[in-house]
PDB file of N, CA and C in Angstrom:
ATOM      1  N   MET A   1      21.070 -35.499 -32.201  1.00  0.00           N
ATOM      2  CA  MET A   1      21.411 -34.124 -32.002  1.00  0.00           C
ATOM      3  C   MET A   1      22.388 -34.008 -30.844  1.00  0.00           C
ATOM      4  N   ASN A   2      23.546 -33.615 -31.140  1.00  0.00           N
ATOM      5  CA  ASN A   2      24.573 -33.528 -30.112  1.00  0.00           C
ATOM      6  C   ASN A   2      24.985 -32.069 -29.950  1.00  0.00           C
ATOM      7  N   GLN A   3      24.375 -31.430 -28.982  1.00  0.00           N
ATOM      8  CA  GLN A   3      24.710 -30.026 -28.728  1.00  0.00           C
ATOM      9  C   GLN A   3      25.422 -29.947 -27.395  1.00  0.00           C
ATOM     10  N   SER A   4      26.400 -29.131 -27.342  1.00  0.00           N
ATOM     11  CA  SER A   4      27.080 -28.933 -26.059  1.00  0.00           C
ATOM     12  C   SER A   4      26.725 -27.546 -25.538  1.00  0.00           C
ATOM     13  N   PHE A   5      26.317 -27.532 -24.291  1.00  0.00           N
ATOM     14  CA  PHE A   5      25.966 -26.271 -23.639  1.00  0.00           C
ATOM     15  C   PHE A   5      27.125 -25.877 -22.732  1.00  0.00           C
ATOM     16  N   HIS A   6      27.494 -24.684 -22.812  1.00  0.00           N
ATOM     17  CA  HIS A   6      28.526 -24.183 -21.898  1.00  0.00           C
ATOM     18  C   HIS A   6      28.144 -22.780 -21.439  1.00  0.00           C
ATOM     19  N   GLN A   7      28.633 -22.461 -20.270  1.00  0.00           N
ATOM     20  CA  GLN A   7      28.326 -21.150 -19.689  1.00  0.00           C
ATOM     21  C   GLN A   7      29.374 -20.149 -20.139  1.00  0.00           C
ATOM     22  N   THR A   8      28.893 -18.968 -20.377  1.00  0.00           N
ATOM     23  CA  THR A   8      29.808 -17.890 -20.711  1.00  0.00           C
ATOM     24  C   THR A   8      29.841 -16.907 -19.555  1.00  0.00           C
ATOM     25  N   GLU A   9      31.001 -16.519 -19.157  1.00  0.00           N
ATOM     26  CA  GLU A   9      31.148 -15.550 -18.079  1.00  0.00           C
ATOM     27  C   GLU A   9      31.426 -14.191 -18.690  1.00  0.00           C
ATOM     28  N   VAL A  10      30.696 -13.236 -18.218  1.00  0.00           N
ATOM     29  CA  VAL A  10      30.889 -11.870 -18.691  1.00  0.00           C
ATOM     30  C   VAL A  10      31.417 -11.069 -17.520  1.00  0.00           C
ATOM     31  N   GLU A  11      32.538 -10.451 -17.716  1.00  0.00           N
ATOM     32  CA  GLU A  11      33.130  -9.644 -16.659  1.00  0.00           C
ATOM     33  C   GLU A  11      32.804  -8.188 -16.929  1.00  0.00           C
ATOM     34  N   VAL A  12      32.167  -7.562 -15.960  1.00  0.00           N
ATOM     35  CA  VAL A  12      31.749  -6.172 -16.145  1.00  0.00           C
ATOM     36  C   VAL A  12      32.896  -5.223 -15.816  1.00  0.00           C
ATOM     37  N   GLY A  13      33.646  -5.552 -14.851  1.00  0.00           N
ATOM     38  CA  GLY A  13      34.750  -4.692 -14.456  1.00  0.00           C
ATOM     39  C   GLY A  13      35.717  -5.481 -13.596  1.00  0.00           C
ATOM     40  N   ASN A  14      36.773  -4.865 -13.255  1.00  0.00           N
ATOM     41  CA  ASN A  14      37.755  -5.532 -12.411  1.00  0.00           C
ATOM     42  C   ASN A  14      37.368  -5.487 -10.942  1.00  0.00           C
ATOM     43  N   ASP A  15      36.574  -4.489 -10.545  1.00  0.00           N
ATOM     44  CA  ASP A  15      36.185  -4.346  -9.145  1.00  0.00           C
ATOM     45  C   ASP A  15      34.946  -5.175  -8.874  1.00  0.00           C
ATOM     46  N   LYS A  16      35.009  -5.941  -7.815  1.00  0.00           N
ATOM     47  CA  LYS A  16      33.847  -6.720  -7.407  1.00  0.00           C
ATOM     48  C   LYS A  16      33.305  -6.102  -6.128  1.00  0.00           C
ATOM     49  N   ALA A  17      32.121  -5.550  -6.231  1.00  0.00           N
ATOM     50  CA  ALA A  17      31.493  -4.918  -5.068  1.00  0.00           C
ATOM     51  C   ALA A  17      30.846  -6.000  -4.211  1.00  0.00           C
ATOM     52  N   PRO A  18      30.948  -5.882  -2.894  1.00  0.00           N
ATOM     53  CA  PRO A  18      30.300  -6.873  -2.034  1.00  0.00           C
ATOM     54  C   PRO A  18      28.778  -6.752  -2.117  1.00  0.00           C
ATOM     55  N   ALA A  19      28.109  -7.867  -1.946  1.00  0.00           N
ATOM     56  CA  ALA A  19      26.649  -7.898  -2.077  1.00  0.00           C
ATOM     57  C   ALA A  19      25.930  -7.513  -0.790  1.00  0.00           C
ATOM     58  N   TRP A  20      26.608  -7.525   0.354  1.00  0.00           N
ATOM     59  CA  TRP A  20      25.909  -7.304   1.624  1.00  0.00           C
ATOM     60  C   TRP A  20      25.261  -5.936   1.743  1.00  0.00           C
ATOM     61  N   PRO A  21      25.812  -4.823   1.201  1.00  0.00           N
ATOM     62  CA  PRO A  21      25.086  -3.548   1.318  1.00  0.00           C
ATOM     63  C   PRO A  21      23.737  -3.572   0.598  1.00  0.00           C
ATOM     64  N   VAL A  22      23.690  -4.239  -0.541  1.00  0.00           N
ATOM     65  CA  VAL A  22      22.437  -4.326  -1.287  1.00  0.00           C
ATOM     66  C   VAL A  22      21.428  -5.154  -0.509  1.00  0.00           C
ATOM     67  N   ILE A  23      21.887  -6.241   0.095  1.00  0.00           N
ATOM     68  CA  ILE A  23      21.003  -7.105   0.880  1.00  0.00           C
ATOM     69  C   ILE A  23      20.446  -6.345   2.079  1.00  0.00           C
ATOM     70  N   VAL A  24      21.290  -5.603   2.768  1.00  0.00           N
ATOM     71  CA  VAL A  24      20.850  -4.833   3.942  1.00  0.00           C
ATOM     72  C   VAL A  24      19.812  -3.790   3.540  1.00  0.00           C
ATOM     73  N   VAL A  25      20.058  -3.091   2.449  1.00  0.00           N
ATOM     74  CA  VAL A  25      19.116  -2.067   1.985  1.00  0.00           C
ATOM     75  C   VAL A  25      17.784  -2.698   1.592  1.00  0.00           C
ATOM     76  N   MET A  26      17.821  -3.825   0.915  1.00  0.00           N
ATOM     77  CA  MET A  26      16.583  -4.493   0.513  1.00  0.00           C
ATOM     78  C   MET A  26      15.805  -4.998   1.732  1.00  0.00           C
ATOM     79  N   LEU A  27      16.500  -5.551   2.719  1.00  0.00           N
ATOM     80  CA  LEU A  27      15.818  -5.995   3.944  1.00  0.00           C
ATOM     81  C   LEU A  27      15.188  -4.822   4.676  1.00  0.00           C
ATOM     82  N   PHE A  28      15.937  -3.733   4.811  1.00  0.00           N
ATOM     83  CA  PHE A  28      15.410  -2.548   5.489  1.00  0.00           C
ATOM     84  C   PHE A  28      14.196  -1.995   4.754  1.00  0.00           C
ATOM     85  N   ALA A  29      14.262  -1.936   3.435  1.00  0.00           N
ATOM     86  CA  ALA A  29      13.131  -1.419   2.655  1.00  0.00           C
ATOM     87  C   ALA A  29      11.910  -2.315   2.813  1.00  0.00           C
ATOM     88  N   GLY A  30      12.120  -3.623   2.846  1.00  0.00           N
ATOM     89  CA  GLY A  30      11.005  -4.548   3.041  1.00  0.00           C
ATOM     90  C   GLY A  30      10.353  -4.388   4.402  1.00  0.00           C
ATOM     91  N   PHE A  31      11.179  -4.290   5.439  1.00  0.00           N
ATOM     92  CA  PHE A  31      10.639  -4.092   6.789  1.00  0.00           C
ATOM     93  C   PHE A  31       9.922  -2.750   6.902  1.00  0.00           C
ATOM     94  N   ALA A  32      10.484  -1.717   6.300  1.00  0.00           N
ATOM     95  CA  ALA A  32       9.854  -0.394   6.353  1.00  0.00           C
ATOM     96  C   ALA A  32       8.503  -0.413   5.648  1.00  0.00           C
ATOM     97  N   LEU A  33       8.414  -1.093   4.526  1.00  0.00           N
ATOM     98  CA  LEU A  33       7.148  -1.187   3.803  1.00  0.00           C
ATOM     99  C   LEU A  33       6.105  -1.941   4.625  1.00  0.00           C
ATOM    100  N   LEU A  34       6.492  -3.056   5.213  1.00  0.00           N
ATOM    101  CA  LEU A  34       5.554  -3.816   6.040  1.00  0.00           C
ATOM    102  C   LEU A  34       5.111  -3.025   7.260  1.00  0.00           C
ATOM    103  N   ALA A  35       6.026  -2.306   7.875  1.00  0.00           N
ATOM    104  CA  ALA A  35       5.670  -1.490   9.035  1.00  0.00           C
ATOM    105  C   ALA A  35       4.704  -0.386   8.637  1.00  0.00           C
ATOM    106  N   ALA A  36       4.955   0.247   7.516  1.00  0.00           N
ATOM    107  CA  ALA A  36       4.063   1.321   7.068  1.00  0.00           C
ATOM    108  C   ALA A  36       2.671   0.788   6.769  1.00  0.00           C
ATOM    109  N   LEU A  37       2.590  -0.389   6.191  1.00  0.00           N
ATOM    110  CA  LEU A  37       1.284  -0.963   5.891  1.00  0.00           C
ATOM    111  C   LEU A  37       0.530  -1.381   7.149  1.00  0.00           C
ATOM    112  N   SER A  38       1.238  -1.880   8.150  1.00  0.00           N
ATOM    113  CA  SER A  38       0.548  -2.337   9.355  1.00  0.00           C
ATOM    114  C   SER A  38       0.211  -1.187  10.297  1.00  0.00           C
ATOM    115  N   LEU A  39       0.945  -0.098  10.242  1.00  0.00           N
ATOM    116  CA  LEU A  39       0.676   1.039  11.118  1.00  0.00           C
ATOM    117  C   LEU A  39      -0.405   1.957  10.574  1.00  0.00           C
ATOM    118  N   LYS A  40      -0.734   1.810   9.314  1.00  0.00           N
ATOM    119  CA  LYS A  40      -1.719   2.699   8.688  1.00  0.00           C
ATOM    120  C   LYS A  40      -3.081   2.524   9.355  1.00  0.00           C
ATOM    121  N   PRO A  41      -3.706   3.617   9.779  1.00  0.00           N
ATOM    122  CA  PRO A  41      -5.036   3.504  10.390  1.00  0.00           C
ATOM    123  C   PRO A  41      -6.064   3.015   9.381  1.00  0.00           C
ATOM    124  N   SER A  42      -7.007   2.218   9.848  1.00  0.00           N
ATOM    125  CA  SER A  42      -8.036   1.712   8.955  1.00  0.00           C
ATOM    126  C   SER A  42      -9.148   2.745   8.795  1.00  0.00           C
ATOM    127  N   ASP A  43      -9.963   2.536   7.811  1.00  0.00           N
ATOM    128  CA  ASP A  43     -11.093   3.433   7.560  1.00  0.00           C
ATOM    129  C   ASP A  43     -12.372   2.945   8.237  1.00  0.00           C
ATOM    130  N   LYS A  44     -12.260   1.972   9.116  1.00  0.00           N
ATOM    131  CA  LYS A  44     -13.426   1.365   9.746  1.00  0.00           C
ATOM    132  C   LYS A  44     -13.821   2.036  11.056  1.00  0.00           C
ATOM    133  N   GLY A  45     -13.224   3.142  11.394  1.00  0.00           N
ATOM    134  CA  GLY A  45     -13.570   3.845  12.620  1.00  0.00           C
ATOM    135  C   GLY A  45     -12.873   3.307  13.852  1.00  0.00           C
ATOM    136  N   GLU A  46     -11.791   2.548  13.672  1.00  0.00           N
ATOM    137  CA  GLU A  46     -11.038   2.034  14.811  1.00  0.00           C
ATOM    138  C   GLU A  46     -10.241   3.158  15.456  1.00  0.00           C
ATOM    139  N   ASP A  47      -9.869   2.957  16.709  1.00  0.00           N
ATOM    140  CA  ASP A  47      -9.103   3.957  17.439  1.00  0.00           C
ATOM    141  C   ASP A  47      -7.779   4.239  16.734  1.00  0.00           C
ATOM    142  N   VAL A  48      -7.368   5.502  16.819  1.00  0.00           N
ATOM    143  CA  VAL A  48      -6.085   5.906  16.248  1.00  0.00           C
ATOM    144  C   VAL A  48      -5.228   6.531  17.340  1.00  0.00           C
ATOM    145  N   ALA A  49      -3.934   6.376  17.191  1.00  0.00           N
ATOM    146  CA  ALA A  49      -2.989   7.007  18.098  1.00  0.00           C
ATOM    147  C   ALA A  49      -2.384   8.204  17.376  1.00  0.00           C
ATOM    148  N   ALA A  50      -2.567   9.384  17.936  1.00  0.00           N
ATOM    149  CA  ALA A  50      -2.009  10.602  17.357  1.00  0.00           C
ATOM    150  C   ALA A  50      -0.781  10.987  18.161  1.00  0.00           C
ATOM    151  N   ILE A  51       0.335  11.138  17.481  1.00  0.00           N
ATOM    152  CA  ILE A  51       1.588  11.487  18.136  1.00  0.00           C
ATOM    153  C   ILE A  51       1.860  12.957  17.848  1.00  0.00           C
ATOM    154  N   PHE A  52       1.882  13.742  18.906  1.00  0.00           N
ATOM    155  CA  PHE A  52       2.092  15.184  18.804  1.00  0.00           C
ATOM    156  C   PHE A  52       3.541  15.512  19.181  1.00  0.00           C
ATOM    157  N   PRO A  53       3.996  16.724  18.904  1.00  0.00           N
ATOM    158  CA  PRO A  53       5.358  17.099  19.295  1.00  0.00           C
ATOM    159  C   PRO A  53       5.534  16.963  20.812  1.00  0.00           C
ATOM    160  N   PRO A  54       6.718  16.573  21.259  1.00  0.00           N
ATOM    161  CA  PRO A  54       6.954  16.406  22.692  1.00  0.00           C
ATOM    162  C   PRO A  54       6.736  17.687  23.494  1.00  0.00           C
ATOM    163  N   SER A  55       6.771  18.825  22.842  1.00  0.00           N
ATOM    164  CA  SER A  55       6.579  20.089  23.553  1.00  0.00           C
ATOM    165  C   SER A  55       5.114  20.333  23.922  1.00  0.00           C
ATOM    166  N   MET A  56       4.186  19.589  23.314  1.00  0.00           N
ATOM    167  CA  MET A  56       2.761  19.780  23.616  1.00  0.00           C
ATOM    168  C   MET A  56       2.362  18.957  24.840  1.00  0.00           C
ATOM    169  N   THR A  57       1.632  19.583  25.738  1.00  0.00           N
ATOM    170  CA  THR A  57       1.134  18.889  26.918  1.00  0.00           C
ATOM    171  C   THR A  57      -0.243  18.307  26.611  1.00  0.00           C
ATOM    172  N   LEU A  58      -0.759  17.487  27.535  1.00  0.00           N
ATOM    173  CA  LEU A  58      -2.106  16.947  27.354  1.00  0.00           C
ATOM    174  C   LEU A  58      -3.141  18.061  27.299  1.00  0.00           C
ATOM    175  N   ALA A  59      -2.937  19.109  28.085  1.00  0.00           N
ATOM    176  CA  ALA A  59      -3.865  20.243  28.074  1.00  0.00           C
ATOM    177  C   ALA A  59      -3.849  20.932  26.710  1.00  0.00           C
ATOM    178  N   ASP A  60      -2.661  21.097  26.130  1.00  0.00           N
ATOM    179  CA  ASP A  60      -2.552  21.703  24.793  1.00  0.00           C
ATOM    180  C   ASP A  60      -3.271  20.848  23.754  1.00  0.00           C
ATOM    181  N   ILE A  61      -3.053  19.539  23.825  1.00  0.00           N
ATOM    182  CA  ILE A  61      -3.662  18.630  22.858  1.00  0.00           C
ATOM    183  C   ILE A  61      -5.178  18.616  23.013  1.00  0.00           C
ATOM    184  N   ALA A  62      -5.659  18.611  24.255  1.00  0.00           N
ATOM    185  CA  ALA A  62      -7.106  18.642  24.499  1.00  0.00           C
ATOM    186  C   ALA A  62      -7.705  19.935  23.976  1.00  0.00           C
ATOM    187  N   SER A  63      -6.979  21.028  24.131  1.00  0.00           N
ATOM    188  CA  SER A  63      -7.475  22.326  23.685  1.00  0.00           C
ATOM    189  C   SER A  63      -7.607  22.383  22.162  1.00  0.00           C
ATOM    190  N   VAL A  64      -6.570  21.925  21.448  1.00  0.00           N
ATOM    191  CA  VAL A  64      -6.604  22.042  19.988  1.00  0.00           C
ATOM    192  C   VAL A  64      -7.502  20.990  19.333  1.00  0.00           C
ATOM    193  N   SER A  65      -7.757  19.884  20.016  1.00  0.00           N
ATOM    194  CA  SER A  65      -8.557  18.819  19.404  1.00  0.00           C
ATOM    195  C   SER A  65     -10.006  18.805  19.876  1.00  0.00           C
ATOM    196  N   SER A  66     -10.384  19.710  20.752  1.00  0.00           N
ATOM    197  CA  SER A  66     -11.738  19.676  21.324  1.00  0.00           C
ATOM    198  C   SER A  66     -12.839  19.910  20.287  1.00  0.00           C
ATOM    199  N   ALA A  67     -12.566  20.690  19.255  1.00  0.00           N
ATOM    200  CA  ALA A  67     -13.600  20.982  18.256  1.00  0.00           C
ATOM    201  C   ALA A  67     -13.642  19.950  17.131  1.00  0.00           C
ATOM    202  N   LEU A  68     -12.731  19.013  17.150  1.00  0.00           N
ATOM    203  CA  LEU A  68     -12.660  18.014  16.083  1.00  0.00           C
ATOM    204  C   LEU A  68     -13.616  16.851  16.358  1.00  0.00           C
ATOM    205  N   PRO A  69     -14.022  16.127  15.316  1.00  0.00           N
ATOM    206  CA  PRO A  69     -14.911  14.976  15.521  1.00  0.00           C
ATOM    207  C   PRO A  69     -14.155  13.725  15.975  1.00  0.00           C
ATOM    208  N   PHE A  70     -13.378  13.877  17.035  1.00  0.00           N
ATOM    209  CA  PHE A  70     -12.642  12.780  17.635  1.00  0.00           C
ATOM    210  C   PHE A  70     -12.886  12.816  19.140  1.00  0.00           C
ATOM    211  N   ARG A  71     -13.135  11.648  19.725  1.00  0.00           N
ATOM    212  CA  ARG A  71     -13.309  11.572  21.174  1.00  0.00           C
ATOM    213  C   ARG A  71     -12.016  11.023  21.767  1.00  0.00           C
ATOM    214  N   PRO A  72     -11.366  11.780  22.660  1.00  0.00           N
ATOM    215  CA  PRO A  72     -10.152  11.242  23.283  1.00  0.00           C
ATOM    216  C   PRO A  72     -10.494  10.052  24.174  1.00  0.00           C
ATOM    217  N   VAL A  73      -9.743   8.977  24.026  1.00  0.00           N
ATOM    218  CA  VAL A  73      -9.967   7.769  24.811  1.00  0.00           C
ATOM    219  C   VAL A  73      -9.053   7.785  26.030  1.00  0.00           C
ATOM    220  N   ARG A  74      -7.762   8.005  25.801  1.00  0.00           N
ATOM    221  CA  ARG A  74      -6.792   8.080  26.893  1.00  0.00           C
ATOM    222  C   ARG A  74      -5.457   8.539  26.325  1.00  0.00           C
ATOM    223  N   ALA A  75      -4.528   8.794  27.230  1.00  0.00           N
ATOM    224  CA  ALA A  75      -3.175   9.149  26.817  1.00  0.00           C
ATOM    225  C   ALA A  75      -2.378   7.866  26.593  1.00  0.00           C
ATOM    226  N   GLY A  76      -1.377   7.957  25.758  1.00  0.00           N
ATOM    227  CA  GLY A  76      -0.514   6.815  25.485  1.00  0.00           C
ATOM    228  C   GLY A  76       0.584   6.714  26.515  1.00  0.00           C
ATOM    229  N   PHE A  77       1.641   6.004  26.161  1.00  0.00           N
ATOM    230  CA  PHE A  77       2.765   5.807  27.080  1.00  0.00           C
ATOM    231  C   PHE A  77       3.408   7.138  27.450  1.00  0.00           C
ATOM    232  N   MET A  78       3.509   8.026  26.495  1.00  0.00           N
ATOM    233  CA  MET A  78       4.036   9.365  26.751  1.00  0.00           C
ATOM    234  C   MET A  78       2.871  10.337  26.645  1.00  0.00           C
ATOM    235  N   ASP A  79       3.000  11.471  27.286  1.00  0.00           N
ATOM    236  CA  ASP A  79       1.894  12.430  27.328  1.00  0.00           C
ATOM    237  C   ASP A  79       1.592  13.079  25.977  1.00  0.00           C
ATOM    238  N   ASN A  80       2.510  12.995  25.026  1.00  0.00           N
ATOM    239  CA  ASN A  80       2.253  13.592  23.719  1.00  0.00           C
ATOM    240  C   ASN A  80       1.616  12.596  22.746  1.00  0.00           C
ATOM    241  N   ILE A  81       1.252  11.415  23.233  1.00  0.00           N
ATOM    242  CA  ILE A  81       0.538  10.429  22.430  1.00  0.00           C
ATOM    243  C   ILE A  81      -0.866  10.293  22.998  1.00  0.00           C
ATOM    244  N   VAL A  82      -1.868  10.517  22.159  1.00  0.00           N
ATOM    245  CA  VAL A  82      -3.260  10.449  22.609  1.00  0.00           C
ATOM    246  C   VAL A  82      -4.017   9.482  21.707  1.00  0.00           C
ATOM    247  N   ILE A  83      -4.807   8.614  22.319  1.00  0.00           N
ATOM    248  CA  ILE A  83      -5.639   7.675  21.586  1.00  0.00           C
ATOM    249  C   ILE A  83      -7.004   8.333  21.384  1.00  0.00           C
ATOM    250  N   PHE A  84      -7.440   8.398  20.138  1.00  0.00           N
ATOM    251  CA  PHE A  84      -8.719   9.015  19.789  1.00  0.00           C
ATOM    252  C   PHE A  84      -9.647   7.983  19.156  1.00  0.00           C
ATOM    253  N   LYS A  85     -10.939   8.138  19.398  1.00  0.00           N
ATOM    254  CA  LYS A  85     -11.988   7.370  18.718  1.00  0.00           C
ATOM    255  C   LYS A  85     -12.590   8.294  17.676  1.00  0.00           C
ATOM    256  N   PRO A  86     -12.434   7.998  16.371  1.00  0.00           N
ATOM    257  CA  PRO A  86     -13.030   8.853  15.335  1.00  0.00           C
ATOM    258  C   PRO A  86     -14.563   8.771  15.381  1.00  0.00           C
ATOM    259  N   LEU A  87     -15.212   9.914  15.320  1.00  0.00           N
ATOM    260  CA  LEU A  87     -16.669   9.979  15.255  1.00  0.00           C
ATOM    261  C   LEU A  87     -17.076  10.099  13.788  1.00  0.00           C
ATOM    262  N   SER A  88     -18.356  10.126  13.526  1.00  0.00           N
ATOM    263  CA  SER A  88     -18.795  10.222  12.132  1.00  0.00           C
ATOM    264  C   SER A  88     -18.319  11.545  11.528  1.00  0.00           C
ATOM    265  N   GLY A  89     -17.861  11.475  10.314  1.00  0.00           N
ATOM    266  CA  GLY A  89     -17.358  12.658   9.628  1.00  0.00           C
ATOM    267  C   GLY A  89     -15.927  13.010   9.988  1.00  0.00           C
ATOM    268  N   ALA A  90     -15.241  12.134  10.700  1.00  0.00           N
ATOM    269  CA  ALA A  90     -13.863  12.422  11.112  1.00  0.00           C
ATOM    270  C   ALA A  90     -12.906  12.243   9.940  1.00  0.00           C
ATOM    271  N   ASP A  91     -11.986  13.176   9.826  1.00  0.00           N
ATOM    272  CA  ASP A  91     -10.943  13.107   8.810  1.00  0.00           C
ATOM    273  C   ASP A  91      -9.605  13.152   9.538  1.00  0.00           C
ATOM    274  N   LEU A  92      -8.742  12.183   9.273  1.00  0.00           N
ATOM    275  CA  LEU A  92      -7.458  12.115   9.970  1.00  0.00           C
ATOM    276  C   LEU A  92      -6.587  13.335   9.697  1.00  0.00           C
ATOM    277  N   GLU A  93      -6.799  13.978   8.578  1.00  0.00           N
ATOM    278  CA  GLU A  93      -6.031  15.181   8.259  1.00  0.00           C
ATOM    279  C   GLU A  93      -6.319  16.315   9.247  1.00  0.00           C
ATOM    280  N   ASP A  94      -7.513  16.292   9.873  1.00  0.00           N
ATOM    281  CA  ASP A  94      -7.832  17.312  10.878  1.00  0.00           C
ATOM    282  C   ASP A  94      -6.860  17.254  12.042  1.00  0.00           C
ATOM    283  N   LEU A  95      -6.492  16.035  12.456  1.00  0.00           N
ATOM    284  CA  LEU A  95      -5.525  15.899  13.548  1.00  0.00           C
ATOM    285  C   LEU A  95      -4.157  16.426  13.131  1.00  0.00           C
ATOM    286  N   LYS A  96      -3.793  16.202  11.893  1.00  0.00           N
ATOM    287  CA  LYS A  96      -2.507  16.725  11.413  1.00  0.00           C
ATOM    288  C   LYS A  96      -2.520  18.246  11.355  1.00  0.00           C
ATOM    289  N   ARG A  97      -3.675  18.815  11.004  1.00  0.00           N
ATOM    290  CA  ARG A  97      -3.767  20.276  10.930  1.00  0.00           C
ATOM    291  C   ARG A  97      -3.608  20.940  12.294  1.00  0.00           C
ATOM    292  N   VAL A  98      -3.972  20.231  13.360  1.00  0.00           N
ATOM    293  CA  VAL A  98      -3.833  20.826  14.696  1.00  0.00           C
ATOM    294  C   VAL A  98      -2.520  20.443  15.368  1.00  0.00           C
ATOM    295  N   GLY A  99      -1.626  19.775  14.623  1.00  0.00           N
ATOM    296  CA  GLY A  99      -0.286  19.561  15.154  1.00  0.00           C
ATOM    297  C   GLY A  99       0.190  18.129  15.286  1.00  0.00           C
ATOM    298  N   ALA A 100      -0.634  17.141  14.966  1.00  0.00           N
ATOM    299  CA  ALA A 100      -0.187  15.754  15.077  1.00  0.00           C
ATOM    300  C   ALA A 100       0.907  15.478  14.039  1.00  0.00           C
ATOM    301  N   LEU A 101       1.998  14.907  14.493  1.00  0.00           N
ATOM    302  CA  LEU A 101       3.097  14.592  13.593  1.00  0.00           C
ATOM    303  C   LEU A 101       2.862  13.279  12.854  1.00  0.00           C
ATOM    304  N   LEU A 102       2.226  12.341  13.547  1.00  0.00           N
ATOM    305  CA  LEU A 102       2.017  11.017  12.987  1.00  0.00           C
ATOM    306  C   LEU A 102       0.724  10.442  13.542  1.00  0.00           C
ATOM    307  N   ILE A 103      -0.033   9.778  12.686  1.00  0.00           N
ATOM    308  CA  ILE A 103      -1.274   9.133  13.111  1.00  0.00           C
ATOM    309  C   ILE A 103      -1.185   7.683  12.692  1.00  0.00           C
ATOM    310  N   VAL A 104      -1.269   6.784  13.675  1.00  0.00           N
ATOM    311  CA  VAL A 104      -1.145   5.358  13.396  1.00  0.00           C
ATOM    312  C   VAL A 104      -2.317   4.612  14.020  1.00  0.00           C
ATOM    313  N   SER A 105      -2.472   3.370  13.621  1.00  0.00           N
ATOM    314  CA  SER A 105      -3.509   2.533  14.195  1.00  0.00           C
ATOM    315  C   SER A 105      -3.184   2.284  15.670  1.00  0.00           C
ATOM    316  N   ALA A 106      -4.184   2.359  16.518  1.00  0.00           N
ATOM    317  CA  ALA A 106      -3.962   2.149  17.946  1.00  0.00           C
ATOM    318  C   ALA A 106      -4.016   0.679  18.318  1.00  0.00           C
ATOM    319  N   VAL A 107      -4.343  -0.174  17.385  1.00  0.00           N
ATOM    320  CA  VAL A 107      -4.470  -1.589  17.714  1.00  0.00           C
ATOM    321  C   VAL A 107      -3.363  -2.447  17.126  1.00  0.00           C
ATOM    322  N   VAL A 108      -2.337  -1.852  16.553  1.00  0.00           N
ATOM    323  CA  VAL A 108      -1.224  -2.618  16.005  1.00  0.00           C
ATOM    324  C   VAL A 108      -0.500  -3.308  17.153  1.00  0.00           C
ATOM    325  N   ASP A 109      -0.442  -4.617  17.104  1.00  0.00           N
ATOM    326  CA  ASP A 109       0.205  -5.442  18.126  1.00  0.00           C
ATOM    327  C   ASP A 109      -0.337  -5.189  19.522  1.00  0.00           C
ATOM    328  N   GLY A 110      -1.460  -4.543  19.650  1.00  0.00           N
ATOM    329  CA  GLY A 110      -2.039  -4.300  20.963  1.00  0.00           C
ATOM    330  C   GLY A 110      -1.275  -3.278  21.789  1.00  0.00           C
ATOM    331  N   GLY A 111      -0.324  -2.605  21.198  1.00  0.00           N
ATOM    332  CA  GLY A 111       0.534  -1.688  21.938  1.00  0.00           C
ATOM    333  C   GLY A 111      -0.205  -0.566  22.623  1.00  0.00           C
ATOM    334  N   CYS A 112      -1.076   0.111  21.926  1.00  0.00           N
ATOM    335  CA  CYS A 112      -1.785   1.239  22.522  1.00  0.00           C
ATOM    336  C   CYS A 112      -3.080   0.808  23.201  1.00  0.00           C
ATOM    337  N   VAL A 113      -3.469  -0.436  23.018  1.00  0.00           N
ATOM    338  CA  VAL A 113      -4.718  -0.884  23.607  1.00  0.00           C
ATOM    339  C   VAL A 113      -4.491  -1.442  25.005  1.00  0.00           C
ATOM    340  N   PHE A 114      -3.459  -2.274  25.159  1.00  0.00           N
ATOM    341  CA  PHE A 114      -3.274  -2.982  26.414  1.00  0.00           C
ATOM    342  C   PHE A 114      -2.183  -2.411  27.299  1.00  0.00           C
ATOM    343  N   TYR A 115      -1.250  -1.684  26.721  1.00  0.00           N
ATOM    344  CA  TYR A 115      -0.121  -1.186  27.501  1.00  0.00           C
ATOM    345  C   TYR A 115      -0.525   0.064  28.249  1.00  0.00           C
ATOM    346  N   LYS A 116      -0.269   0.081  29.526  1.00  0.00           N
ATOM    347  CA  LYS A 116      -0.600   1.251  30.332  1.00  0.00           C
ATOM    348  C   LYS A 116       0.650   1.754  31.024  1.00  0.00           C
ATOM    349  N   LYS A 117       0.746   3.045  31.125  1.00  0.00           N
ATOM    350  CA  LYS A 117       1.878   3.677  31.785  1.00  0.00           C
ATOM    351  C   LYS A 117       1.647   3.619  33.294  1.00  0.00           C
ATOM    352  N   ASP A 118       2.640   3.136  34.005  1.00  0.00           N
ATOM    353  CA  ASP A 118       2.536   3.053  35.451  1.00  0.00           C
ATOM    354  C   ASP A 118       3.006   4.387  36.032  1.00  0.00           C
ATOM    355  N   ARG A 119       2.067   5.131  36.536  1.00  0.00           N
ATOM    356  CA  ARG A 119       2.399   6.439  37.119  1.00  0.00           C
ATOM    357  C   ARG A 119       2.534   6.290  38.627  1.00  0.00           C
ATOM    358  N   LYS A 120       3.740   6.487  39.085  1.00  0.00           N
ATOM    359  CA  LYS A 120       3.970   6.413  40.521  1.00  0.00           C
ATOM    360  C   LYS A 120       4.114   7.837  41.041  1.00  0.00           C
ATOM    361  N   THR A 121       3.283   8.182  41.979  1.00  0.00           N
ATOM    362  CA  THR A 121       3.359   9.526  42.543  1.00  0.00           C
ATOM    363  C   THR A 121       4.100   9.464  43.867  1.00  0.00           C
ATOM    364  N   LYS A 122       4.893  10.442  44.086  1.00  0.00           N
ATOM    365  CA  LYS A 122       5.633  10.508  45.345  1.00  0.00           C
ATOM    366  C   LYS A 122       4.910  11.444  46.293  1.00  0.00           C
ATOM    367  N   ALA A 123       4.660  10.978  47.467  1.00  0.00           N
ATOM    368  CA  ALA A 123       3.947  11.805  48.448  1.00  0.00           C
ATOM    369  C   ALA A 123       4.910  12.586  49.292  1.00  0.00           C
TER     370      ALA A 123
END
């Protein structure tokens, strides 16, 4: 059996678009998907970081979240980020209803667990 195999080239058009924009978009989409999966708070009752609008102060956040089943642990790097410990019956949507823009896991890469803001007061 003597068969010869040859490749056939099919030309779609005269314009050849560069491949790098597609590669960049695919890389960005992959990183965004991985980030979204790792930032998602778990359902195991682990601490969550609630990010509120920059216009809200710690007093505002404490006021609106006081009736919720979340215990504030501490403030994050910025004053509009608060670390909460969910109590029994806690629903993350409650934090969104009182103004949280984003709720993420507080233990991702140890960022909200170990990093502390150095507050220097001037006398």
